[in-house]
């Protein structure tokens, strides 16, 4: 309203607009929140979708990409190389016993 009043005062028809930044809780510069979110997601304390949304909110993931699109990409990509053999941490699936 104040911008409109000032615009009228100087003979302009539009006073413009102002967007107030409100997300003061995130410091994207230090990068530690992403690591904390990853730990929570790996521990099962955070859903994959919430993890995605929080990374997106911090600008780590493109805001034009939807969770559904990313999920479809992940499914089309197949398993991670370290998981192909079925063994924990062993891409060939060797259990370690007798090897």
Protein backbone atom coordinates (compact mmCIF):
# COMPACT_ATOMS: atom_id res chain seq x y z
CA UNK A 1 0.00 0.00 0.00
CA UNK A 2 2.83 2.37 0.84
CA UNK A 3 4.38 1.90 -2.60
CA UNK A 4 1.08 2.75 -4.23
CA UNK A 5 0.76 5.93 -2.16
CA UNK A 6 4.26 7.03 -3.12
CA UNK A 7 3.60 6.19 -6.77
CA UNK A 8 0.46 8.35 -6.68
CA UNK A 9 2.45 11.15 -5.01
CA UNK A 10 4.96 11.26 -7.88
CA UNK A 11 2.35 10.75 -10.59
CA UNK A 12 3.02 7.09 -11.43
CA UNK A 13 0.18 4.62 -11.98
CA UNK A 14 1.92 1.62 -10.38
CA UNK A 15 3.99 1.48 -7.22
CA UNK A 16 5.70 -1.80 -8.04
CA UNK A 17 5.97 -4.73 -5.71
CA UNK A 18 8.19 -6.14 -3.00
CA UNK A 19 8.86 -9.78 -2.12
CA UNK A 20 9.92 -10.37 1.46
CA UNK A 21 12.48 -13.14 2.04
CA UNK A 22 11.17 -15.38 4.83
CA UNK A 23 13.35 -18.50 4.82
CA UNK A 24 15.96 -17.43 7.36
CA UNK A 25 16.28 -20.92 8.86
CA UNK A 26 18.40 -22.32 6.04
CA UNK A 27 22.02 -21.44 5.45
CA UNK A 28 22.66 -23.05 2.08
CA UNK A 29 26.21 -21.77 1.97
CA UNK A 30 27.61 -24.14 4.58
CA UNK A 31 26.17 -27.36 3.12
CA UNK A 32 25.85 -29.11 6.47
CA UNK A 33 22.07 -29.38 6.37
CA UNK A 34 22.24 -31.61 3.29
CA UNK A 35 24.51 -34.06 5.16
CA UNK A 36 22.14 -34.04 8.13
CA UNK A 37 19.16 -34.69 5.85
CA UNK A 38 21.03 -37.56 4.16
CA UNK A 39 21.79 -39.14 7.54
CA UNK A 40 18.13 -38.88 8.54
CA UNK A 41 17.00 -40.39 5.22
CA UNK A 42 19.50 -43.28 5.44
CA UNK A 43 18.41 -43.96 9.02
CA UNK A 44 14.79 -44.17 7.86
CA UNK A 45 13.73 -41.11 9.85
CA UNK A 46 12.84 -39.19 6.71
CA UNK A 47 10.93 -40.34 3.63
CA UNK A 48 12.60 -40.23 0.22
CA UNK A 49 10.07 -37.66 -0.92
CA UNK A 50 10.70 -35.37 2.06
CA UNK A 51 14.45 -35.70 1.48
CA UNK A 52 13.95 -34.74 -2.18
CA UNK A 53 11.69 -31.80 -1.27
CA UNK A 54 14.12 -30.47 1.33
CA UNK A 55 17.06 -30.64 -1.09
CA UNK A 56 14.90 -28.89 -3.66
CA UNK A 57 13.90 -26.20 -1.16
CA UNK A 58 17.57 -25.55 -0.47
CA UNK A 59 18.32 -25.16 -4.17
CA UNK A 60 20.39 -28.35 -4.40
CA UNK A 61 17.89 -29.92 -6.82
CA UNK A 62 16.31 -28.03 -9.72
CA UNK A 63 12.92 -26.64 -8.66
CA UNK A 64 11.42 -27.57 -12.04
CA UNK A 65 11.92 -31.29 -11.40
CA UNK A 66 9.08 -33.11 -9.64
CA UNK A 67 9.56 -35.98 -7.21
CA UNK A 68 7.53 -38.24 -9.52
CA UNK A 69 9.80 -37.42 -12.47
CA UNK A 70 12.91 -38.15 -10.42
CA UNK A 71 11.41 -41.40 -9.12
CA UNK A 72 10.67 -42.51 -12.70
CA UNK A 73 14.25 -41.68 -13.67
CA UNK A 74 15.62 -43.70 -10.75
CA UNK A 75 13.48 -46.73 -11.66
CA UNK A 76 14.52 -46.54 -15.32
CA UNK A 77 18.17 -46.30 -14.30
CA UNK A 78 18.22 -49.61 -12.46
CA UNK A 79 20.11 -50.57 -9.30
CA UNK A 80 23.27 -48.85 -8.14
CA UNK A 81 26.44 -50.63 -9.24
CA UNK A 82 27.36 -51.56 -5.65
CA UNK A 83 24.05 -53.40 -5.25
CA UNK A 84 24.13 -55.60 -8.35
CA UNK A 85 25.64 -58.71 -6.69
CA UNK A 86 23.19 -58.84 -3.82
CA UNK A 87 25.87 -58.96 -1.11
CA UNK A 88 26.23 -56.13 1.35
CA UNK A 89 29.02 -53.92 0.10
CA UNK A 90 30.27 -56.56 -2.36
CA UNK A 91 29.30 -55.94 -5.98
CA UNK A 92 29.95 -59.61 -6.82
CA UNK A 93 27.78 -60.94 -4.02
CA UNK A 94 30.61 -62.74 -2.21
CA UNK A 95 29.81 -63.33 1.42
CA UNK A 96 33.46 -63.38 2.43
CA UNK A 97 33.21 -66.86 3.97
CA UNK A 98 35.81 -69.25 2.57
CA UNK A 99 37.19 -66.72 0.07
